[in-house]
């Protein structure tokens, strides 16, 4: 921000100093509907470049006005240490003289000089057949070289469009970035330049065949990878074209109404009498559209679609989830029913010992009388209880022995047995 303010202040100082100096006048002949370019360099002011970066500053405008006409552009190139004026005169400027004031400042000596370039605009028949192309491997400043322009013209004059040899000329040229293209990812790459060539003769058969060849690429904005039948012809001359931007245009109107042109027409028929009156007196005045001519757009359809599509997707998803949950619930119910109504397990008969006669005397047998079962014997190494041992578990899982009475005097001295729940307790 500080550098910009400083530069503006220096330029204002240069303007004030230059108006008191001697003015140099230069006249240049230009034609309607044909591009002109002028290189602004130190030798025009009798200065010598001494190797200092941005040693010279230039300011250009229409004489007596703060800015240039709408069809004239100025750009400074650090690569060439020079400024460039270029543009295409429209039909309304035919047979006029346009004075362009250039103020130059030498930042090494702070010397300011003033030069007035008079553009003498001559009438010329506008081109009816125009070639629009985009060159990817060059910048706008490289196309300011007259030799490179001639090489591009010779491709069409000698090979593709020989009929245009007499009047083929450049109609328009500007940086692709200024026309909306993206800056390259790597700074060392070229920005690209858009060039229009025009002639009054019909397109040749080979040009029409080339248009049919690249017509399928029109739906793509940029395609540097595509190669055509004339690729080698252009590359041998140092040009790499973006074939998605290659167009053949036939028009009967002013070429300033073409796409990419800075003076694209905005005039409309009907309701513009006052504007046309102003334009007749002030041809360089910007033609602003009327409020009634500004198109209106209804967003109700877009809003309805933005809600309808997500709503339909949500409804389909909800239906799908509902169906899945219903089937899953039905399967769970069927499984539960099979478990609940399955046949009962077979009854297991429980054996319980209950003596029929309470007064009966039961004599227990002695274990010595029982036959010896070697399988139930406990070896010395198995004299302790082990969990999970099958034969030890079977030895201790025996039924409870029945109650019995004492015999003889022991029975007489003992108290009578107490009966509890059908059993006898001693």
Protein backbone atom coordinates (compact mmCIF):
# COMPACT_ATOMS: atom_id res chain seq x y z
CA UNK A 1 0.00 0.00 0.00
CA UNK A 2 2.84 2.40 0.85
CA UNK A 3 4.64 1.67 -2.44
CA UNK A 4 1.45 2.39 -4.39
CA UNK A 5 0.92 5.74 -2.68
CA UNK A 6 4.56 6.61 -3.26
CA UNK A 7 4.32 5.77 -6.97
CA UNK A 8 1.15 7.87 -7.37
CA UNK A 9 2.80 10.83 -5.67
CA UNK A 10 5.85 10.52 -7.92
CA UNK A 11 3.66 10.39 -11.02
CA UNK A 12 1.69 13.45 -9.94
CA UNK A 13 4.97 15.27 -9.41
CA UNK A 14 6.14 14.16 -12.84
CA UNK A 15 2.93 15.44 -14.44
CA UNK A 16 3.29 18.82 -12.80
CA UNK A 17 6.93 19.06 -13.90
CA UNK A 18 6.27 17.78 -17.43
CA UNK A 19 3.63 20.40 -18.24
CA UNK A 20 6.27 23.07 -17.94
CA UNK A 21 8.63 21.23 -20.28
CA UNK A 22 8.77 21.05 -24.06
CA UNK A 23 6.22 18.63 -25.56
CA UNK A 24 7.05 16.16 -28.33
CA UNK A 25 4.35 15.18 -30.86
CA UNK A 26 4.29 11.90 -32.78
CA UNK A 27 1.69 10.81 -35.32
CA UNK A 28 0.82 7.18 -35.97
CA UNK A 29 -1.60 5.94 -38.64
CA UNK A 30 -4.05 3.26 -37.52
CA UNK A 31 -7.06 1.64 -39.17
CA UNK A 32 -10.55 0.82 -38.00
CA UNK A 33 -11.04 -2.80 -36.87
CA UNK A 34 -7.30 -3.50 -36.94
CA UNK A 35 -5.06 -3.86 -33.91
CA UNK A 36 -2.32 -1.30 -33.40
CA UNK A 37 0.52 -1.49 -30.89
CA UNK A 38 3.16 1.02 -29.89
CA UNK A 39 6.16 0.35 -27.69
CA UNK A 40 6.90 3.15 -25.19
CA UNK A 41 10.65 3.05 -24.49
CA UNK A 42 13.34 5.41 -23.17
CA UNK A 43 14.73 6.34 -26.59
CA UNK A 44 11.45 8.08 -27.43
CA UNK A 45 12.45 10.62 -24.76
CA UNK A 46 16.17 10.65 -25.62
CA UNK A 47 17.03 8.61 -22.54
CA UNK A 48 19.31 5.60 -22.11
CA UNK A 49 18.53 2.58 -20.02
CA UNK A 50 21.24 2.15 -17.36
CA UNK A 51 20.24 -1.23 -15.90
CA UNK A 52 18.15 0.02 -12.95
CA UNK A 53 14.97 -1.93 -12.31
CA UNK A 54 11.91 0.22 -13.04
CA UNK A 55 14.16 3.13 -13.85
CA UNK A 56 11.43 4.74 -15.97
CA UNK A 57 7.78 5.30 -15.11
CA UNK A 58 5.13 6.07 -17.72
CA UNK A 59 1.60 7.41 -17.40
CA UNK A 60 -0.72 7.52 -20.40
CA UNK A 61 -4.17 9.07 -20.85
CA UNK A 62 -6.32 10.85 -23.37
CA UNK A 63 -5.05 14.41 -23.61
CA UNK A 64 -7.01 16.60 -21.23
CA UNK A 65 -8.63 13.56 -19.52
CA UNK A 66 -7.57 11.37 -16.58
CA UNK A 67 -7.77 8.02 -18.41
CA UNK A 68 -7.40 6.36 -21.78
CA UNK A 69 -10.28 5.74 -24.22
CA UNK A 70 -12.12 2.48 -23.66
CA UNK A 71 -10.55 0.85 -26.74
CA UNK A 72 -6.92 1.73 -25.84
CA UNK A 73 -4.92 -0.20 -23.24
CA UNK A 74 -1.53 0.33 -21.65
CA UNK A 75 0.63 -2.32 -19.97
CA UNK A 76 4.19 -2.25 -18.71
CA UNK A 77 6.52 -5.23 -19.21
CA UNK A 78 9.37 -5.69 -16.70
CA UNK A 79 10.84 -8.24 -19.09
CA UNK A 80 11.35 -5.64 -21.83
CA UNK A 81 11.61 -2.60 -19.53
CA UNK A 82 9.07 -0.86 -21.75
CA UNK A 83 5.40 0.03 -21.85
CA UNK A 84 2.98 -0.93 -24.62
CA UNK A 85 -0.05 0.91 -25.96
CA UNK A 86 -2.41 -1.26 -28.01
CA UNK A 87 -6.04 -1.48 -29.05
CA UNK A 88 -8.54 -1.76 -31.92
CA UNK A 89 -10.25 1.47 -33.07
CA UNK A 90 -14.04 1.07 -33.41
CA UNK A 91 -16.07 2.33 -36.38
CA UNK A 92 -17.20 5.48 -34.60
CA UNK A 93 -13.58 6.75 -34.48
CA UNK A 94 -13.09 6.58 -38.26
CA UNK A 95 -11.46 9.66 -39.82
CA UNK A 96 -10.61 11.19 -36.44
CA UNK A 97 -7.43 12.04 -34.59
CA UNK A 98 -7.06 10.77 -31.05
CA UNK A 99 -4.34 12.48 -28.94
CA UNK A 100 -2.73 10.21 -26.31
CA UNK A 101 -0.63 11.98 -23.69
CA UNK A 102 2.36 10.10 -22.23
CA UNK A 103 4.23 11.41 -19.18
CA UNK A 104 7.65 9.80 -18.55
CA UNK A 105 9.75 10.03 -15.39
CA UNK A 106 13.39 9.05 -15.00
CA UNK A 107 13.67 7.83 -11.41
CA UNK A 108 17.46 8.06 -11.53
CA UNK A 109 17.56 11.83 -12.26
CA UNK A 110 13.88 12.65 -11.53
CA UNK A 111 13.60 14.27 -14.92
CA UNK A 112 10.09 14.34 -16.41
CA UNK A 113 9.13 14.64 -20.07
CA UNK A 114 5.84 14.84 -21.97
CA UNK A 115 4.96 13.24 -25.29
CA UNK A 116 1.68 13.39 -27.24
CA UNK A 117 0.93 10.50 -29.57
CA UNK A 118 -1.68 11.40 -32.19
CA UNK A 119 -3.51 8.36 -33.55
CA UNK A 120 -4.83 9.14 -37.03
CA UNK A 121 -7.69 6.65 -37.49
CA UNK A 122 -8.47 5.71 -41.10
CA UNK A 123 -11.55 3.97 -42.39
CA UNK A 124 -11.27 0.34 -43.42
CA UNK A 125 -13.73 -2.36 -44.38
CA UNK A 126 -14.31 -4.54 -41.27
CA UNK A 127 -13.41 -8.20 -41.51
CA UNK A 128 -16.35 -10.58 -41.96
CA UNK A 129 -14.55 -13.86 -41.29
CA UNK A 130 -12.62 -14.12 -38.04
CA UNK A 131 -10.42 -16.78 -36.45
CA UNK A 132 -10.37 -16.87 -32.65
CA UNK A 133 -7.54 -18.76 -30.96
CA UNK A 134 -5.69 -19.03 -27.67
CA UNK A 135 -1.91 -19.56 -27.57
CA UNK A 136 -0.73 -21.19 -24.35
CA UNK A 137 3.06 -20.95 -24.57
CA UNK A 138 3.30 -17.15 -24.95
CA UNK A 139 2.43 -14.03 -23.00
CA UNK A 140 0.78 -10.94 -24.40
CA UNK A 141 4.10 -9.08 -24.54
CA UNK A 142 5.62 -11.74 -26.80
CA UNK A 143 2.91 -11.14 -29.40
CA UNK A 144 3.89 -7.48 -29.53
CA UNK A 145 6.88 -8.57 -31.58
CA UNK A 146 6.06 -7.84 -35.26
CA UNK A 147 8.15 -10.81 -36.40
CA UNK A 148 6.13 -13.27 -34.30
CA UNK A 149 2.87 -11.79 -35.63
CA UNK A 150 4.08 -12.32 -39.19
CA UNK A 151 4.97 -15.95 -38.42
CA UNK A 152 1.42 -16.55 -37.21
CA UNK A 153 -0.08 -14.91 -40.27
CA UNK A 154 2.13 -16.93 -42.62
CA UNK A 155 0.71 -20.19 -41.28
CA UNK A 156 -2.69 -19.19 -42.62
CA UNK A 157 -1.46 -17.35 -45.70
CA UNK A 158 0.73 -20.17 -46.97
CA UNK A 159 -1.07 -23.29 -45.78
CA UNK A 160 -4.50 -23.09 -44.16
CA UNK A 161 -6.12 -19.99 -45.70
CA UNK A 162 -4.27 -18.84 -48.85
CA UNK A 163 -7.23 -16.77 -50.01
CA UNK A 164 -6.65 -14.32 -47.12
CA UNK A 165 -3.16 -13.37 -48.23
CA UNK A 166 -4.23 -9.89 -49.36
CA UNK A 167 -5.94 -8.56 -46.22
CA UNK A 168 -5.30 -10.92 -43.29
CA UNK A 169 -4.72 -8.82 -40.17
CA UNK A 170 -4.88 -8.97 -36.37
CA UNK A 171 -8.19 -7.73 -34.98
CA UNK A 172 -7.79 -8.28 -31.28
CA UNK A 173 -5.17 -9.45 -28.79
CA UNK A 174 -4.96 -9.50 -25.01
CA UNK A 175 -3.76 -11.54 -22.07
CA UNK A 176 -5.77 -14.69 -21.37
CA UNK A 177 -5.68 -13.95 -17.63
CA UNK A 178 -7.33 -10.57 -18.19
CA UNK A 179 -10.10 -12.34 -20.11
CA UNK A 180 -10.87 -14.75 -17.28
CA UNK A 181 -8.28 -17.55 -17.59
CA UNK A 182 -6.55 -18.92 -14.49
CA UNK A 183 -2.99 -18.08 -13.61
CA UNK A 184 -0.59 -20.99 -14.18
CA UNK A 185 0.36 -23.07 -11.15
CA UNK A 186 4.06 -22.49 -11.71
CA UNK A 187 5.23 -18.88 -12.10
CA UNK A 188 7.66 -19.82 -14.85
CA UNK A 189 4.81 -20.96 -17.10
CA UNK A 190 3.24 -18.62 -19.63
CA UNK A 191 -0.13 -17.00 -18.99
CA UNK A 192 -1.39 -17.41 -22.56
CA UNK A 193 -2.68 -14.87 -25.04
CA UNK A 194 -5.93 -14.63 -27.02
CA UNK A 195 -5.55 -13.58 -30.67
CA UNK A 196 -8.19 -12.84 -33.34
CA UNK A 197 -7.29 -12.79 -37.03
CA UNK A 198 -9.71 -11.53 -39.66
CA UNK A 199 -10.21 -11.21 -43.40
CA UNK A 200 -13.01 -10.32 -45.80
CA UNK A 201 -12.75 -13.50 -47.92
CA UNK A 202 -14.53 -16.79 -47.29
CA UNK A 203 -12.94 -19.52 -45.24
CA UNK A 204 -11.05 -22.16 -47.19
CA UNK A 205 -12.13 -25.81 -47.31
CA UNK A 206 -9.23 -26.81 -45.08
CA UNK A 207 -10.23 -24.26 -42.45
CA UNK A 208 -13.77 -25.66 -42.43
CA UNK A 209 -12.40 -29.19 -42.07
CA UNK A 210 -10.28 -28.05 -39.11
CA UNK A 211 -13.36 -26.53 -37.50
CA UNK A 212 -15.25 -29.81 -37.84
CA UNK A 213 -12.27 -31.61 -36.32
CA UNK A 214 -12.22 -29.48 -33.17
CA UNK A 215 -15.98 -28.93 -32.86
CA UNK A 216 -16.45 -31.85 -30.38
CA UNK A 217 -14.07 -29.99 -28.03
CA UNK A 218 -16.28 -26.90 -27.73
CA UNK A 219 -17.98 -28.26 -24.61
CA UNK A 220 -14.61 -28.28 -22.78
CA UNK A 221 -13.20 -25.00 -21.48
CA UNK A 222 -9.52 -25.87 -21.92
CA UNK A 223 -7.65 -28.87 -23.36
CA UNK A 224 -3.91 -28.50 -23.85
CA UNK A 225 -3.55 -32.27 -24.30
CA UNK A 226 -5.52 -32.45 -27.57
CA UNK A 227 -3.61 -32.75 -30.84
CA UNK A 228 -4.95 -32.06 -34.32
CA UNK A 229 -3.90 -32.70 -37.89
CA UNK A 230 -2.21 -29.27 -38.07
CA UNK A 231 -0.48 -29.50 -34.69
CA UNK A 232 2.98 -29.83 -36.22
CA UNK A 233 2.42 -26.84 -38.48
CA UNK A 234 1.86 -24.51 -35.53
CA UNK A 235 4.52 -26.04 -33.27
CA UNK A 236 7.20 -25.65 -35.94
CA UNK A 237 6.52 -21.89 -35.84
CA UNK A 238 6.61 -21.76 -32.03
CA UNK A 239 2.87 -21.74 -31.25
CA UNK A 240 1.00 -24.21 -29.00
CA UNK A 241 -2.73 -23.69 -29.35
CA UNK A 242 -5.56 -24.57 -27.00
CA UNK A 243 -7.86 -26.25 -29.51
CA UNK A 244 -10.88 -25.99 -27.22
CA UNK A 245 -10.75 -22.20 -27.78
CA UNK A 246 -10.35 -22.37 -31.57
CA UNK A 247 -13.35 -20.84 -33.38
CA UNK A 248 -14.30 -19.68 -36.87
CA UNK A 249 -16.76 -16.77 -36.77
CA UNK A 250 -18.63 -15.15 -39.63
CA UNK A 251 -20.23 -11.80 -38.87
CA UNK A 252 -21.75 -8.88 -40.72
CA UNK A 253 -21.62 -6.59 -37.70
CA UNK A 254 -18.90 -4.51 -36.14
CA UNK A 255 -16.09 -6.71 -34.81
CA UNK A 256 -16.24 -4.86 -31.48
CA UNK A 257 -19.41 -6.85 -30.75
CA UNK A 258 -17.48 -10.14 -30.73
CA UNK A 259 -16.78 -12.06 -27.51
CA UNK A 260 -13.54 -11.09 -25.69
CA UNK A 261 -13.59 -7.63 -27.24
CA UNK A 262 -13.27 -4.80 -24.69
CA UNK A 263 -15.82 -2.66 -26.58
CA UNK A 264 -18.55 -5.28 -26.68
CA UNK A 265 -21.78 -3.54 -27.65
CA UNK A 266 -24.55 -3.08 -25.07
CA UNK A 267 -26.99 -1.14 -27.26
CA UNK A 268 -30.59 -2.31 -27.46
CA UNK A 269 -33.47 -1.25 -29.67
CA UNK A 270 -36.45 0.62 -28.19
CA UNK A 271 -36.64 2.87 -25.16
CA UNK A 272 -33.08 4.17 -25.63
CA UNK A 273 -33.60 7.50 -27.43
CA UNK A 274 -32.06 9.55 -24.63
CA UNK A 275 -29.08 7.22 -24.40
CA UNK A 276 -28.55 7.29 -28.15
CA UNK A 277 -28.66 11.08 -28.05
CA UNK A 278 -25.97 11.16 -25.38
CA UNK A 279 -23.85 8.66 -27.27
CA UNK A 280 -23.97 10.77 -30.41
CA UNK A 281 -22.40 13.68 -28.50
CA UNK A 282 -20.13 11.63 -26.22
CA UNK A 283 -18.99 8.52 -28.11
CA UNK A 284 -16.63 7.42 -25.33
CA UNK A 285 -19.24 7.64 -22.57
CA UNK A 286 -20.13 4.32 -20.99
CA UNK A 287 -23.58 3.11 -22.00
CA UNK A 288 -25.22 1.93 -18.78
CA UNK A 289 -28.31 -0.30 -19.21
CA UNK A 290 -31.70 0.88 -18.01
CA UNK A 291 -33.24 -0.73 -14.93
CA UNK A 292 -36.16 -2.00 -17.00
CA UNK A 293 -33.72 -3.81 -19.30
CA UNK A 294 -31.98 -5.71 -16.53
CA UNK A 295 -33.28 -9.32 -16.67
CA UNK A 296 -35.04 -10.73 -13.63
CA UNK A 297 -34.62 -14.27 -12.48
CA UNK A 298 -37.20 -16.33 -10.59
CA UNK A 299 -35.66 -18.59 -7.97
CA UNK A 300 -38.85 -20.46 -7.01
CA UNK A 301 -38.03 -23.41 -9.28
CA UNK A 302 -34.51 -23.70 -7.91
CA UNK A 303 -35.78 -23.58 -4.31
CA UNK A 304 -38.45 -26.22 -5.03
CA UNK A 305 -35.92 -28.53 -6.63
CA UNK A 306 -33.41 -28.04 -3.81
CA UNK A 307 -36.06 -29.19 -1.30
CA UNK A 308 -37.78 -31.83 -3.45
CA UNK A 309 -34.73 -33.94 -4.30
CA UNK A 310 -33.43 -34.31 -0.69
CA UNK A 311 -37.01 -34.91 0.48
CA UNK A 312 -37.49 -37.77 -1.99
CA UNK A 313 -34.19 -39.31 -0.99
CA UNK A 314 -35.11 -39.09 2.71
CA UNK A 315 -38.52 -40.68 2.05
CA UNK A 316 -36.97 -43.59 0.15
CA UNK A 317 -34.42 -44.12 2.89
CA UNK A 318 -37.13 -44.05 5.57
CA UNK A 319 -39.25 -46.60 3.67
CA UNK A 320 -36.27 -48.90 3.26
CA UNK A 321 -35.40 -48.78 6.95
CA UNK A 322 -39.04 -49.37 7.92
CA UNK A 323 -39.28 -52.49 5.72
CA UNK A 324 -36.02 -53.87 7.11
CA UNK A 325 -37.13 -53.34 10.73
CA UNK A 326 -40.56 -54.94 10.08
CA UNK A 327 -39.04 -58.10 8.62
CA UNK A 328 -36.50 -58.27 11.44
CA UNK A 329 -39.29 -57.95 14.06
CA UNK A 330 -41.33 -60.68 12.38
CA UNK A 331 -38.36 -63.06 12.46
CA UNK A 332 -37.83 -62.37 16.18
CA UNK A 333 -41.53 -63.06 16.92
CA UNK A 334 -41.46 -66.35 15.04
CA UNK A 335 -38.35 -67.46 16.93
CA UNK A 336 -39.93 -66.55 20.28
CA UNK A 337 -43.11 -68.49 19.43
CA UNK A 338 -41.16 -71.63 18.58
CA UNK A 339 -39.32 -71.42 21.91
CA UNK A 340 -42.49 -70.81 23.98
CA UNK A 341 -44.64 -73.61 22.49
CA UNK A 342 -41.96 -76.30 22.21
CA UNK A 343 -42.93 -79.75 23.76
CA UNK A 344 -42.05 -80.20 27.46
CA UNK A 345 -39.15 -82.33 28.48
CA UNK A 346 -40.02 -85.90 29.56
CA UNK A 347 -40.91 -86.29 33.19
CA UNK A 348 -38.15 -87.51 35.46
CA UNK A 349 -39.32 -89.86 38.18
CA UNK A 350 -37.96 -88.89 41.56
CA UNK A 351 -37.30 -91.72 43.95
CA UNK A 352 -37.92 -91.00 47.61
CA UNK A 353 -37.59 -93.47 50.40
CA UNK A 354 -40.46 -93.47 52.86
CA UNK A 355 -41.00 -96.38 55.31
CA UNK A 356 -44.49 -97.87 55.23
CA UNK A 357 -44.50 -98.91 58.84
CA UNK A 358 -43.34 -96.39 61.35
CA UNK A 359 -42.95 -98.97 64.06
CA UNK A 360 -41.04 -101.35 61.94
CA UNK A 361 -37.48 -102.02 62.85
CA UNK A 362 -34.91 -101.74 60.10
CA UNK A 363 -31.57 -103.30 60.61
CA UNK A 364 -28.78 -101.79 58.62
CA UNK A 365 -26.33 -104.09 57.06
CA UNK A 366 -22.72 -103.84 57.99
CA UNK A 367 -20.36 -102.50 55.40
CA UNK A 368 -18.13 -105.49 56.10
CA UNK A 369 -20.80 -107.76 54.60
CA UNK A 370 -20.92 -105.74 51.41
CA UNK A 371 -18.98 -107.15 48.52
CA UNK A 372 -15.67 -105.45 47.88
CA UNK A 373 -15.64 -103.26 44.74
CA UNK A 374 -12.12 -102.54 43.68
CA UNK A 375 -13.28 -99.82 41.36
CA UNK A 376 -14.42 -97.74 44.36
CA UNK A 377 -11.24 -98.19 46.32
CA UNK A 378 -9.07 -95.23 47.04
CA UNK A 379 -5.43 -95.63 46.38
CA UNK A 380 -2.83 -94.06 48.66
CA UNK A 381 -2.15 -91.44 46.07
CA UNK A 382 -5.83 -90.56 45.84
CA UNK A 383 -6.54 -90.32 49.55
CA UNK A 384 -7.69 -86.71 49.25
CA UNK A 385 -10.71 -85.31 47.52
CA UNK A 386 -10.31 -84.06 43.97
CA UNK A 387 -12.78 -82.04 42.06
CA UNK A 388 -14.13 -83.73 39.01
CA UNK A 389 -13.16 -87.26 40.08
CA UNK A 390 -15.99 -89.53 38.95
CA UNK A 391 -15.45 -92.58 41.31
CA UNK A 392 -14.90 -90.45 44.42
CA UNK A 393 -18.00 -88.47 43.62
CA UNK A 394 -20.04 -91.67 43.26
CA UNK A 395 -18.84 -92.98 46.69
CA UNK A 396 -20.17 -89.93 48.55
CA UNK A 397 -23.38 -89.57 46.60
CA UNK A 398 -25.33 -92.32 48.45
CA UNK A 399 -28.95 -92.20 49.67
CA UNK A 400 -29.60 -91.26 53.26
CA UNK A 401 -30.09 -94.40 55.46
CA UNK A 402 -33.53 -95.00 56.98
CA UNK A 403 -34.20 -94.29 60.67
CA UNK A 404 -33.90 -97.19 63.10
CA UNK A 405 -34.77 -98.09 66.76
CA UNK A 406 -32.41 -99.07 69.53
CA UNK A 407 -32.71 -102.63 70.78
CA UNK A 408 -32.95 -103.80 74.42
CA UNK A 409 -32.55 -101.57 77.50
CA UNK A 410 -31.26 -98.69 75.48
CA UNK A 411 -34.59 -98.55 73.75
CA UNK A 412 -36.50 -98.55 77.06
CA UNK A 413 -34.47 -95.72 78.58
CA UNK A 414 -34.69 -93.54 75.55
CA UNK A 415 -37.47 -91.02 75.09
CA UNK A 416 -40.16 -91.77 72.56
CA UNK A 417 -39.36 -90.54 69.06
CA UNK A 418 -40.77 -87.27 67.90
CA UNK A 419 -42.72 -87.33 64.69
CA UNK A 420 -42.05 -84.47 62.34
CA UNK A 421 -43.51 -84.27 58.88
CA UNK A 422 -44.01 -88.02 58.56
CA UNK A 423 -40.49 -88.85 59.63
CA UNK A 424 -38.97 -89.88 62.88
CA UNK A 425 -36.34 -87.90 64.65
CA UNK A 426 -34.15 -89.58 67.25
